[in-house]
Structures are given as C-alpha cells and as structure tokens.
Amino acid sequence: QVQMVESGGGVVQAGGSLRLSCVASGRTLVNVDMGWYRQAPGKEREFVAMTRWTWRGYTSDYDDFAKDRFTISRDNAGNATYLDMNSLKPEHTAIYCCIVPVPGPVPVDYWGQGTQVTVSS
C-alpha cells in the first residue's frame, strides 16, 4: 500500500509560478515511476509529467503543453516528486494529482487526493 500527500496548490495570477509536492510512504519507491496528471473542470484526466526510473537514474517525460513551462523532479530517496510550474496560464487551472504506478504481477496505480491549482487572468 502506498499513501501520498500532495501540497503546493493554490491561486496564482497568470504568469506566476507554483511548486507542487507529492510525498509518498508505505514502501520503497526508489525504483518506481512517479508523476502527475491533471483534470480540468468538464474535461477528462490527462497526463502532465512523469519521472521514470532507469538503471542510469531518473528520466522525465512531459505532455507537450508542459514541456516548456513545467519541470518535474525527484528527491534522492525516491519517495517524493515535485512539479515546478512557471509562466502559468488560466488554462492550467485544474486539480493536479500525483500517481505512483507500481509494477508487478498485478500492477497497481496509486493516486493522491489531488491539489487544486487556479490561475486567474
């Protein structure tokens, strides 16, 4: 079982920045991917970014809208991931959720409760 606690959401004006945090517990996650999805009002949940574990260290994947504005990172212990969001726009308003996809014979996706990001114009 994995539990996640997210923080860092809030209300920010267009052009501003926020840093989202997701701290996980319950098992060792150093060799497990961690990332973020978002869901805007009236829309389906969509991928934002992911840190992926490899033998050479973590790599990062981004959706196209996030590539130039968002940076995902991971702490050295592997149990936390951060999403730095810069130059925010109103269309970035959404609930941002942390995900930990745990592989295995029966893969399980663990989701955080989400943190609201609101960007005002």
C-alpha atoms as a PDB file:
ATOM      1  CA  GLN A   1       0.000   0.000   0.000  1.00  0.00           C
ATOM      2  CA  VAL A   2       1.246   3.457  -0.896  1.00  0.00           C
ATOM      3  CA  GLN A   3      -0.020   6.682   0.602  1.00  0.00           C
ATOM      4  CA  MET A   4       0.673  10.061  -0.934  1.00  0.00           C
ATOM      5  CA  VAL A   5       0.319  13.560   0.421  1.00  0.00           C
ATOM      6  CA  GLU A   6       0.225  16.388  -2.065  1.00  0.00           C
ATOM      7  CA  SER A   7       0.687  20.053  -1.384  1.00  0.00           C
ATOM      8  CA  GLY A   8       1.546  23.312  -3.071  1.00  0.00           C
ATOM      9  CA  GLY A   9      -1.619  24.116  -4.960  1.00  0.00           C
ATOM     10  CA  GLY A  10      -3.347  27.449  -4.688  1.00  0.00           C
ATOM     11  CA  VAL A  11      -4.467  30.548  -6.520  1.00  0.00           C
ATOM     12  CA  VAL A  12      -1.939  32.424  -8.617  1.00  0.00           C
ATOM     13  CA  GLN A  13      -2.153  35.144 -11.198  1.00  0.00           C
ATOM     14  CA  ALA A  14      -1.335  34.450 -14.828  1.00  0.00           C
ATOM     15  CA  GLY A  15       2.416  34.467 -15.311  1.00  0.00           C
ATOM     16  CA  GLY A  16       3.037  33.257 -11.797  1.00  0.00           C
ATOM     17  CA  SER A  17       4.611  30.072 -10.504  1.00  0.00           C
ATOM     18  CA  LEU A  18       3.750  27.240  -8.173  1.00  0.00           C
ATOM     19  CA  ARG A  19       5.576  24.212  -6.868  1.00  0.00           C
ATOM     20  CA  LEU A  20       3.597  21.060  -6.228  1.00  0.00           C
ATOM     21  CA  SER A  21       4.913  18.367  -3.919  1.00  0.00           C
ATOM     22  CA  CYS A  22       3.957  14.744  -3.556  1.00  0.00           C
ATOM     23  CA  VAL A  23       5.445  12.750  -0.691  1.00  0.00           C
ATOM     24  CA  ALA A  24       4.794   9.023  -0.679  1.00  0.00           C
ATOM     25  CA  SER A  25       5.091   6.435   2.060  1.00  0.00           C
ATOM     26  CA  GLY A  26       4.284   2.809   2.643  1.00  0.00           C
ATOM     27  CA  ARG A  27       7.031   1.129   0.666  1.00  0.00           C
ATOM     28  CA  THR A  28      10.322   1.815  -1.063  1.00  0.00           C
ATOM     29  CA  LEU A  29       9.715   3.725  -4.272  1.00  0.00           C
ATOM     30  CA  VAL A  30      13.244   4.461  -5.425  1.00  0.00           C
ATOM     31  CA  ASN A  31      12.844   2.180  -8.465  1.00  0.00           C
ATOM     32  CA  VAL A  32       9.252   3.113  -9.235  1.00  0.00           C
ATOM     33  CA  ASP A  33       7.907   5.826 -11.525  1.00  0.00           C
ATOM     34  CA  MET A  34       6.152   8.833 -10.004  1.00  0.00           C
ATOM     35  CA  GLY A  35       4.325  11.578 -11.812  1.00  0.00           C
ATOM     36  CA  TRP A  36       1.417  13.941 -12.240  1.00  0.00           C
ATOM     37  CA  TYR A  37      -1.908  14.031 -14.023  1.00  0.00           C
ATOM     38  CA  ARG A  38      -4.468  16.810 -14.038  1.00  0.00           C
ATOM     39  CA  GLN A  39      -8.200  17.173 -14.507  1.00  0.00           C
ATOM     40  CA  ALA A  40      -9.742  20.462 -15.525  1.00  0.00           C
ATOM     41  CA  PRO A  41     -13.454  21.206 -14.995  1.00  0.00           C
ATOM     42  CA  GLY A  42     -15.562  19.365 -17.529  1.00  0.00           C
ATOM     43  CA  LYS A  43     -12.587  17.559 -19.022  1.00  0.00           C
ATOM     44  CA  GLU A  44     -11.027  14.133 -18.757  1.00  0.00           C
ATOM     45  CA  ARG A  45      -7.939  13.477 -16.712  1.00  0.00           C
ATOM     46  CA  GLU A  46      -4.766  13.999 -18.728  1.00  0.00           C
ATOM     47  CA  PHE A  47      -1.075  13.270 -18.352  1.00  0.00           C
ATOM     48  CA  VAL A  48       1.242  16.075 -17.241  1.00  0.00           C
ATOM     49  CA  ALA A  49       4.676  14.651 -16.442  1.00  0.00           C
ATOM     50  CA  MET A  50       6.422  11.552 -15.108  1.00  0.00           C
ATOM     51  CA  THR A  51       9.789  10.638 -13.605  1.00  0.00           C
ATOM     52  CA  ARG A  52      10.760   7.178 -14.793  1.00  0.00           C
ATOM     53  CA  TRP A  53      13.311   5.011 -13.048  1.00  0.00           C
ATOM     54  CA  THR A  54      16.142   3.529 -15.101  1.00  0.00           C
ATOM     55  CA  TRP A  55      19.419   1.893 -14.111  1.00  0.00           C
ATOM     56  CA  ARG A  56      21.128   5.149 -15.045  1.00  0.00           C
ATOM     57  CA  GLY A  57      18.861   7.294 -12.936  1.00  0.00           C
ATOM     58  CA  TYR A  58      15.545   9.014 -13.407  1.00  0.00           C
ATOM     59  CA  THR A  59      14.329  10.315 -16.751  1.00  0.00           C
ATOM     60  CA  SER A  60      11.471  12.737 -17.294  1.00  0.00           C
ATOM     61  CA  ASP A  61       8.535  12.700 -19.691  1.00  0.00           C
ATOM     62  CA  TYR A  62       6.181  15.590 -20.328  1.00  0.00           C
ATOM     63  CA  ASP A  63       2.997  16.220 -22.195  1.00  0.00           C
ATOM     64  CA  ASP A  64       3.524  18.785 -24.944  1.00  0.00           C
ATOM     65  CA  PHE A  65       1.776  21.594 -23.056  1.00  0.00           C
ATOM     66  CA  ALA A  66       4.086  21.129 -20.075  1.00  0.00           C
ATOM     67  CA  LYS A  67       7.468  20.807 -21.785  1.00  0.00           C
ATOM     68  CA  ASP A  68       8.494  24.454 -21.790  1.00  0.00           C
ATOM     69  CA  ARG A  69       6.844  25.561 -18.552  1.00  0.00           C
ATOM     70  CA  PHE A  70       6.886  22.668 -16.089  1.00  0.00           C
ATOM     71  CA  THR A  71       9.787  20.773 -14.534  1.00  0.00           C
ATOM     72  CA  ILE A  72       9.370  17.504 -12.698  1.00  0.00           C
ATOM     73  CA  SER A  73      11.968  16.297 -10.239  1.00  0.00           C
ATOM     74  CA  ARG A  74      12.530  13.558  -7.683  1.00  0.00           C
ATOM     75  CA  ASP A  75      14.215  13.540  -4.310  1.00  0.00           C
ATOM     76  CA  ASN A  76      17.300  11.378  -3.724  1.00  0.00           C
ATOM     77  CA  ALA A  77      15.396   8.882  -1.608  1.00  0.00           C
ATOM     78  CA  GLY A  78      12.901   8.435  -4.420  1.00  0.00           C
ATOM     79  CA  ASN A  79       9.839   8.915  -2.259  1.00  0.00           C
ATOM     80  CA  ALA A  80       8.887  12.413  -3.354  1.00  0.00           C
ATOM     81  CA  THR A  81       8.279  14.144  -6.611  1.00  0.00           C
ATOM     82  CA  TYR A  82       7.934  17.839  -7.333  1.00  0.00           C
ATOM     83  CA  LEU A  83       6.355  19.769 -10.157  1.00  0.00           C
ATOM     84  CA  ASP A  84       7.637  23.290 -10.729  1.00  0.00           C
ATOM     85  CA  MET A  85       5.164  25.223 -12.837  1.00  0.00           C
ATOM     86  CA  ASN A  86       6.181  28.544 -14.361  1.00  0.00           C
ATOM     87  CA  SER A  87       4.509  31.140 -16.572  1.00  0.00           C
ATOM     88  CA  LEU A  88       1.128  29.771 -15.634  1.00  0.00           C
ATOM     89  CA  LYS A  89      -1.935  30.484 -17.717  1.00  0.00           C
ATOM     90  CA  PRO A  90      -5.657  30.296 -16.855  1.00  0.00           C
ATOM     91  CA  GLU A  91      -5.898  27.129 -18.965  1.00  0.00           C
ATOM     92  CA  HIS A  92      -3.585  25.421 -16.499  1.00  0.00           C
ATOM     93  CA  THR A  93      -6.342  25.587 -13.894  1.00  0.00           C
ATOM     94  CA  ALA A  94      -7.094  22.035 -12.767  1.00  0.00           C
ATOM     95  CA  ILE A  95      -6.808  19.534  -9.967  1.00  0.00           C
ATOM     96  CA  TYR A  96      -3.311  18.075 -10.147  1.00  0.00           C
ATOM     97  CA  CYS A  97      -2.935  14.513  -8.870  1.00  0.00           C
ATOM     98  CA  CYS A  98       0.168  12.552  -8.064  1.00  0.00           C
ATOM     99  CA  ILE A  99       0.383   8.990  -9.384  1.00  0.00           C
ATOM    100  CA  VAL A 100       2.620   6.095  -8.410  1.00  0.00           C
ATOM    101  CA  PRO A 101       2.248   3.212 -10.870  1.00  0.00           C
ATOM    102  CA  VAL A 102       3.610   0.181  -9.046  1.00  0.00           C
ATOM    103  CA  PRO A 103       4.558  -2.629 -11.420  1.00  0.00           C
ATOM    104  CA  GLY A 104       4.298  -6.318 -10.636  1.00  0.00           C
ATOM    105  CA  PRO A 105       2.247  -9.405 -11.389  1.00  0.00           C
ATOM    106  CA  VAL A 106      -0.791  -7.270 -10.603  1.00  0.00           C
ATOM    107  CA  PRO A 107       0.159  -3.646 -11.375  1.00  0.00           C
ATOM    108  CA  VAL A 108      -1.488  -1.045  -9.179  1.00  0.00           C
ATOM    109  CA  ASP A 109      -1.795   2.689  -9.748  1.00  0.00           C
ATOM    110  CA  TYR A 110      -1.846   4.681  -6.540  1.00  0.00           C
ATOM    111  CA  TRP A 111      -3.351   8.169  -6.708  1.00  0.00           C
ATOM    112  CA  GLY A 112      -3.076  11.112  -4.411  1.00  0.00           C
ATOM    113  CA  GLN A 113      -6.100  13.133  -3.374  1.00  0.00           C
ATOM    114  CA  GLY A 114      -5.185  15.982  -5.704  1.00  0.00           C
ATOM    115  CA  THR A 115      -4.329  19.617  -5.177  1.00  0.00           C
ATOM    116  CA  GLN A 116      -6.232  22.472  -6.775  1.00  0.00           C
ATOM    117  CA  VAL A 117      -4.347  24.907  -8.983  1.00  0.00           C
ATOM    118  CA  THR A 118      -6.249  28.013 -10.017  1.00  0.00           C
ATOM    119  CA  VAL A 119      -4.704  30.568 -12.351  1.00  0.00           C
ATOM    120  CA  SER A 120      -6.537  33.876 -12.573  1.00  0.00           C
ATOM    121  CA  SER A 121      -6.314  36.161 -15.566  1.00  0.00           C
END
